[in-house]
C-alpha cells in the first residue's frame, strides 16, 4: 500500500471528485476498493501532456 500522508476523508473526497469527472475508474471487491486511470476519459491526453511537461521541467532542473 502506498502512503500519501493524507488522512482518509480528504483522500476519499478527492477520489470521489476524480471518479465524478471520469478521470479514474473504480473496482470493488469484497474487502477492497481499487482505482485506476480511465484512459478513455476526455481529460486523459491533456493530463498526460501536463504531467509529461512537468516531468521534463523537473529533469531539466536536476541537470543544472
PDB file of N, CA and C in Angstrom:
ATOM      1  N   UNK A   1       0.842  -1.179   0.000  1.00  0.00           N
ATOM      2  CA  UNK A   1       0.000   0.000   0.000  1.00  0.00           C
ATOM      3  C   UNK A   1       0.889   1.244   0.000  1.00  0.00           C
ATOM      4  N   UNK A   2       0.504   2.231  -0.788  1.00  0.00           N
ATOM      5  CA  UNK A   2       1.266   3.459  -0.863  1.00  0.00           C
ATOM      6  C   UNK A   2       0.737   4.459   0.154  1.00  0.00           C
ATOM      7  N   UNK A   3       1.632   5.160   0.796  1.00  0.00           N
ATOM      8  CA  UNK A   3       1.224   6.162   1.771  1.00  0.00           C
ATOM      9  C   UNK A   3       1.303   7.542   1.148  1.00  0.00           C
ATOM     10  N   UNK A   4       0.265   8.332   1.373  1.00  0.00           N
ATOM     11  CA  UNK A   4       0.225   9.676   0.815  1.00  0.00           C
ATOM     12  C   UNK A   4       0.462  10.737   1.869  1.00  0.00           C
ATOM     13  N   UNK A   5       0.328  10.375   3.136  1.00  0.00           N
ATOM     14  CA  UNK A   5       0.431  11.359   4.199  1.00  0.00           C
ATOM     15  C   UNK A   5      -0.878  12.092   4.431  1.00  0.00           C
ATOM     16  N   UNK A   6      -1.904  11.748   3.658  1.00  0.00           N
ATOM     17  CA  UNK A   6      -3.210  12.379   3.812  1.00  0.00           C
ATOM     18  C   UNK A   6      -4.113  11.502   4.671  1.00  0.00           C
ATOM     19  N   UNK A   7      -5.033  12.130   5.374  1.00  0.00           N
ATOM     20  CA  UNK A   7      -5.987  11.334   6.139  1.00  0.00           C
ATOM     21  C   UNK A   7      -7.025  10.753   5.184  1.00  0.00           C
ATOM     22  N   UNK A   8      -7.782   9.802   5.664  1.00  0.00           N
ATOM     23  CA  UNK A   8      -8.694   9.039   4.823  1.00  0.00           C
ATOM     24  C   UNK A   8      -9.797   9.899   4.200  1.00  0.00           C
ATOM     25  N   UNK A   9     -10.429  10.758   4.981  1.00  0.00           N
ATOM     26  CA  UNK A   9     -11.561  11.524   4.470  1.00  0.00           C
ATOM     27  C   UNK A   9     -11.199  12.432   3.285  1.00  0.00           C
ATOM     28  N   UNK A  10     -10.133  13.228   3.368  1.00  0.00           N
ATOM     29  CA  UNK A  10      -9.772  14.050   2.195  1.00  0.00           C
ATOM     30  C   UNK A  10      -9.397  13.200   0.975  1.00  0.00           C
ATOM     31  N   UNK A  11      -8.757  12.076   1.207  1.00  0.00           N
ATOM     32  CA  UNK A  11      -8.385  11.190   0.110  1.00  0.00           C
ATOM     33  C   UNK A  11      -9.631  10.631  -0.566  1.00  0.00           C
ATOM     34  N   UNK A  12     -10.589  10.190   0.235  1.00  0.00           N
ATOM     35  CA  UNK A  12     -11.842   9.669  -0.319  1.00  0.00           C
ATOM     36  C   UNK A  12     -12.592  10.754  -1.090  1.00  0.00           C
ATOM     37  N   UNK A  13     -12.586  11.964  -0.580  1.00  0.00           N
ATOM     38  CA  UNK A  13     -13.263  13.079  -1.244  1.00  0.00           C
ATOM     39  C   UNK A  13     -12.626  13.363  -2.605  1.00  0.00           C
ATOM     40  N   UNK A  14     -11.295  13.393  -2.654  1.00  0.00           N
ATOM     41  CA  UNK A  14     -10.614  13.666  -3.922  1.00  0.00           C
ATOM     42  C   UNK A  14     -10.818  12.531  -4.919  1.00  0.00           C
ATOM     43  N   UNK A  15     -10.794  11.298  -4.442  1.00  0.00           N
ATOM     44  CA  UNK A  15     -11.051  10.169  -5.336  1.00  0.00           C
ATOM     45  C   UNK A  15     -12.481  10.232  -5.873  1.00  0.00           C
ATOM     46  N   UNK A  16     -13.435  10.621  -5.039  1.00  0.00           N
ATOM     47  CA  UNK A  16     -14.825  10.774  -5.482  1.00  0.00           C
ATOM     48  C   UNK A  16     -14.927  11.870  -6.548  1.00  0.00           C
ATOM     49  N   UNK A  17     -14.197  12.962  -6.377  1.00  0.00           N
ATOM     50  CA  UNK A  17     -14.188  14.036  -7.384  1.00  0.00           C
ATOM     51  C   UNK A  17     -13.627  13.530  -8.708  1.00  0.00           C
ATOM     52  N   UNK A  18     -12.508  12.812  -8.643  1.00  0.00           N
ATOM     53  CA  UNK A  18     -11.897  12.269  -9.859  1.00  0.00           C
ATOM     54  C   UNK A  18     -12.815  11.254 -10.532  1.00  0.00           C
ATOM     55  N   UNK A  19     -13.513  10.474  -9.737  1.00  0.00           N
ATOM     56  CA  UNK A  19     -14.471   9.498 -10.252  1.00  0.00           C
ATOM     57  C   UNK A  19     -15.639  10.210 -10.934  1.00  0.00           C
ATOM     58  N   UNK A  20     -16.169  11.247 -10.300  1.00  0.00           N
ATOM     59  CA  UNK A  20     -17.274  12.023 -10.877  1.00  0.00           C
ATOM     60  C   UNK A  20     -16.890  12.651 -12.213  1.00  0.00           C
ATOM     61  N   UNK A  21     -15.639  13.073 -12.343  1.00  0.00           N
ATOM     62  CA  UNK A  21     -15.157  13.671 -13.589  1.00  0.00           C
ATOM     63  C   UNK A  21     -14.820  12.626 -14.651  1.00  0.00           C
ATOM     64  N   UNK A  22     -14.790  11.359 -14.246  1.00  0.00           N
ATOM     65  CA  UNK A  22     -14.460  10.291 -15.184  1.00  0.00           C
ATOM     66  C   UNK A  22     -12.976  10.102 -15.391  1.00  0.00           C
ATOM     67  N   UNK A  23     -12.159  10.726 -14.548  1.00  0.00           N
ATOM     68  CA  UNK A  23     -10.702  10.634 -14.690  1.00  0.00           C
ATOM     69  C   UNK A  23     -10.186   9.291 -14.181  1.00  0.00           C
ATOM     70  N   UNK A  24     -10.846   8.746 -13.173  1.00  0.00           N
ATOM     71  CA  UNK A  24     -10.485   7.424 -12.662  1.00  0.00           C
ATOM     72  C   UNK A  24     -11.693   6.497 -12.736  1.00  0.00           C
ATOM     73  N   UNK A  25     -11.394   5.202 -12.707  1.00  0.00           N
ATOM     74  CA  UNK A  25     -12.422   4.165 -12.646  1.00  0.00           C
ATOM     75  C   UNK A  25     -12.270   3.463 -11.298  1.00  0.00           C
ATOM     76  N   UNK A  26     -13.357   2.895 -10.824  1.00  0.00           N
ATOM     77  CA  UNK A  26     -13.370   2.242  -9.511  1.00  0.00           C
ATOM     78  C   UNK A  26     -13.815   0.798  -9.677  1.00  0.00           C
ATOM     79  N   UNK A  27     -13.093  -0.087  -8.977  1.00  0.00           N
ATOM     80  CA  UNK A  27     -13.459  -1.501  -8.958  1.00  0.00           C
ATOM     81  C   UNK A  27     -13.462  -1.949  -7.511  1.00  0.00           C
ATOM     82  N   UNK A  28     -14.527  -2.599  -7.113  1.00  0.00           N
ATOM     83  CA  UNK A  28     -14.653  -3.050  -5.725  1.00  0.00           C
ATOM     84  C   UNK A  28     -14.647  -4.571  -5.659  1.00  0.00           C
ATOM     85  N   UNK A  29     -13.968  -5.080  -4.644  1.00  0.00           N
ATOM     86  CA  UNK A  29     -14.047  -6.499  -4.319  1.00  0.00           C
ATOM     87  C   UNK A  29     -14.737  -6.590  -2.970  1.00  0.00           C
ATOM     88  N   UNK A  30     -14.753  -7.742  -2.403  1.00  0.00           N
ATOM     89  CA  UNK A  30     -15.437  -7.914  -1.128  1.00  0.00           C
ATOM     90  C   UNK A  30     -14.894  -7.006  -0.034  1.00  0.00           C
ATOM     91  N   UNK A  31     -13.579  -6.843   0.009  1.00  0.00           N
ATOM     92  CA  UNK A  31     -12.996  -6.075   1.116  1.00  0.00           C
ATOM     93  C   UNK A  31     -12.023  -4.978   0.675  1.00  0.00           C
ATOM     94  N   UNK A  32     -11.974  -4.691  -0.638  1.00  0.00           N
ATOM     95  CA  UNK A  32     -11.054  -3.659  -1.122  1.00  0.00           C
ATOM     96  C   UNK A  32     -11.704  -2.836  -2.230  1.00  0.00           C
ATOM     97  N   UNK A  33     -11.159  -1.636  -2.397  1.00  0.00           N
ATOM     98  CA  UNK A  33     -11.581  -0.768  -3.490  1.00  0.00           C
ATOM     99  C   UNK A  33     -10.327  -0.389  -4.267  1.00  0.00           C
ATOM    100  N   UNK A  34     -10.387  -0.546  -5.575  1.00  0.00           N
ATOM    101  CA  UNK A  34      -9.257  -0.227  -6.440  1.00  0.00           C
ATOM    102  C   UNK A  34      -9.645   0.905  -7.382  1.00  0.00           C
ATOM    103  N   UNK A  35      -8.725   1.834  -7.587  1.00  0.00           N
ATOM    104  CA  UNK A  35      -8.925   2.938  -8.520  1.00  0.00           C
ATOM    105  C   UNK A  35      -7.838   2.852  -9.575  1.00  0.00           C
ATOM    106  N   UNK A  36      -8.209   3.171 -10.804  1.00  0.00           N
ATOM    107  CA  UNK A  36      -7.219   3.216 -11.874  1.00  0.00           C
ATOM    108  C   UNK A  36      -7.551   4.356 -12.824  1.00  0.00           C
ATOM    109  N   UNK A  37      -6.558   4.806 -13.545  1.00  0.00           N
ATOM    110  CA  UNK A  37      -6.736   5.886 -14.506  1.00  0.00           C
ATOM    111  C   UNK A  37      -7.669   5.408 -15.618  1.00  0.00           C
ATOM    112  N   UNK A  38      -8.602   6.254 -15.986  1.00  0.00           N
ATOM    113  CA  UNK A  38      -9.511   5.962 -17.094  1.00  0.00           C
ATOM    114  C   UNK A  38      -8.897   6.538 -18.364  1.00  0.00           C
ATOM    115  N   UNK A  39      -8.274   5.687 -19.153  1.00  0.00           N
ATOM    116  CA  UNK A  39      -7.595   6.146 -20.367  1.00  0.00           C
ATOM    117  C   UNK A  39      -8.586   6.596 -21.446  1.00  0.00           C
ATOM    118  N   UNK A  40      -9.870   6.319 -21.271  1.00  0.00           N
ATOM    119  CA  UNK A  40     -10.891   6.755 -22.224  1.00  0.00           C
ATOM    120  C   UNK A  40     -11.470   8.121 -21.856  1.00  0.00           C
ATOM    121  N   UNK A  41     -11.042   8.654 -20.729  1.00  0.00           N
ATOM    122  CA  UNK A  41     -11.521   9.961 -20.296  1.00  0.00           C
ATOM    123  C   UNK A  41     -11.068  11.040 -21.275  1.00  0.00           C
ATOM    124  N   UNK A  42     -11.936  12.037 -21.548  1.00  0.00           N
ATOM    125  CA  UNK A  42     -11.509  13.134 -22.418  1.00  0.00           C
ATOM    126  C   UNK A  42     -10.363  13.959 -21.806  1.00  0.00           C
ATOM    127  N   UNK A  43     -10.144  13.823 -20.508  1.00  0.00           N
ATOM    128  CA  UNK A  43      -9.062  14.548 -19.834  1.00  0.00           C
ATOM    129  C   UNK A  43      -7.719  13.818 -19.906  1.00  0.00           C
ATOM    130  N   UNK A  44      -7.735  12.549 -20.286  1.00  0.00           N
ATOM    131  CA  UNK A  44      -6.535  11.714 -20.192  1.00  0.00           C
ATOM    132  C   UNK A  44      -5.361  12.290 -20.982  1.00  0.00           C
ATOM    133  N   UNK A  45      -5.587  12.619 -22.242  1.00  0.00           N
ATOM    134  CA  UNK A  45      -4.485  13.112 -23.086  1.00  0.00           C
ATOM    135  C   UNK A  45      -3.916  14.415 -22.529  1.00  0.00           C
ATOM    136  N   UNK A  46      -4.787  15.321 -22.143  1.00  0.00           N
ATOM    137  CA  UNK A  46      -4.341  16.603 -21.592  1.00  0.00           C
ATOM    138  C   UNK A  46      -3.531  16.402 -20.306  1.00  0.00           C
ATOM    139  N   UNK A  47      -4.013  15.536 -19.425  1.00  0.00           N
ATOM    140  CA  UNK A  47      -3.291  15.277 -18.174  1.00  0.00           C
ATOM    141  C   UNK A  47      -1.929  14.643 -18.445  1.00  0.00           C
ATOM    142  N   UNK A  48      -1.852  13.772 -19.437  1.00  0.00           N
ATOM    143  CA  UNK A  48      -0.558  13.177 -19.809  1.00  0.00           C
ATOM    144  C   UNK A  48       0.409  14.245 -20.300  1.00  0.00           C
ATOM    145  N   UNK A  49      -0.114  15.178 -21.097  1.00  0.00           N
ATOM    146  CA  UNK A  49       0.738  16.263 -21.591  1.00  0.00           C
ATOM    147  C   UNK A  49       1.226  17.148 -20.449  1.00  0.00           C
ATOM    148  N   UNK A  50       0.340  17.456 -19.522  1.00  0.00           N
ATOM    149  CA  UNK A  50       0.716  18.283 -18.372  1.00  0.00           C
ATOM    150  C   UNK A  50       1.761  17.569 -17.523  1.00  0.00           C
ATOM    151  N   UNK A  51       1.519  16.304 -17.237  1.00  0.00           N
ATOM    152  CA  UNK A  51       2.471  15.547 -16.406  1.00  0.00           C
ATOM    153  C   UNK A  51       3.801  15.359 -17.114  1.00  0.00           C
ATOM    154  N   UNK A  52       3.753  15.114 -18.414  1.00  0.00           N
ATOM    155  CA  UNK A  52       4.987  14.968 -19.189  1.00  0.00           C
ATOM    156  C   UNK A  52       5.794  16.246 -19.191  1.00  0.00           C
ATOM    157  N   UNK A  53       5.112  17.364 -19.330  1.00  0.00           N
ATOM    158  CA  UNK A  53       5.791  18.657 -19.320  1.00  0.00           C
ATOM    159  C   UNK A  53       6.428  18.928 -17.950  1.00  0.00           C
ATOM    160  N   UNK A  54       5.701  18.614 -16.898  1.00  0.00           N
ATOM    161  CA  UNK A  54       6.226  18.822 -15.543  1.00  0.00           C
ATOM    162  C   UNK A  54       7.425  17.912 -15.287  1.00  0.00           C
ATOM    163  N   UNK A  55       7.366  16.677 -15.762  1.00  0.00           N
ATOM    164  CA  UNK A  55       8.497  15.759 -15.582  1.00  0.00           C
ATOM    165  C   UNK A  55       9.726  16.254 -16.339  1.00  0.00           C
ATOM    166  N   UNK A  56       9.505  16.780 -17.548  1.00  0.00           N
ATOM    167  CA  UNK A  56      10.631  17.294 -18.326  1.00  0.00           C
ATOM    168  C   UNK A  56      11.266  18.482 -17.619  1.00  0.00           C
ATOM    169  N   UNK A  57      10.441  19.384 -17.100  1.00  0.00           N
ATOM    170  CA  UNK A  57      10.970  20.552 -16.377  1.00  0.00           C
ATOM    171  C   UNK A  57      11.752  20.112 -15.150  1.00  0.00           C
ATOM    172  N   UNK A  58      11.235  19.121 -14.458  1.00  0.00           N
ATOM    173  CA  UNK A  58      11.926  18.611 -13.266  1.00  0.00           C
ATOM    174  C   UNK A  58      13.280  18.017 -13.634  1.00  0.00           C
ATOM    175  N   UNK A  59      13.288  17.223 -14.707  1.00  0.00           N
ATOM    176  CA  UNK A  59      14.540  16.616 -15.164  1.00  0.00           C
ATOM    177  C   UNK A  59      15.542  17.693 -15.582  1.00  0.00           C
ATOM    178  N   UNK A  60      15.051  18.735 -16.260  1.00  0.00           N
ATOM    179  CA  UNK A  60      15.933  19.826 -16.675  1.00  0.00           C
ATOM    180  C   UNK A  60      16.533  20.551 -15.464  1.00  0.00           C
ATOM    181  N   UNK A  61      15.746  20.725 -14.422  1.00  0.00           N
ATOM    182  CA  UNK A  61      16.244  21.391 -13.209  1.00  0.00           C
ATOM    183  C   UNK A  61      17.312  20.548 -12.519  1.00  0.00           C
ATOM    184  N   UNK A  62      17.146  19.229 -12.553  1.00  0.00           N
ATOM    185  CA  UNK A  62      18.130  18.359 -11.921  1.00  0.00           C
ATOM    186  C   UNK A  62      19.470  18.408 -12.643  1.00  0.00           C
ATOM    187  N   UNK A  63      19.425  18.668 -13.943  1.00  0.00           N
ATOM    188  CA  UNK A  63      20.667  18.737 -14.732  1.00  0.00           C
ATOM    189  C   UNK A  63      21.493  19.966 -14.386  1.00  0.00           C
ATOM    190  N   UNK A  64      20.817  21.015 -13.902  1.00  0.00           N
ATOM    191  CA  UNK A  64      21.523  22.279 -13.629  1.00  0.00           C
ATOM    192  C   UNK A  64      22.343  22.203 -12.383  1.00  0.00           C
TER     193      UNK A  64
END
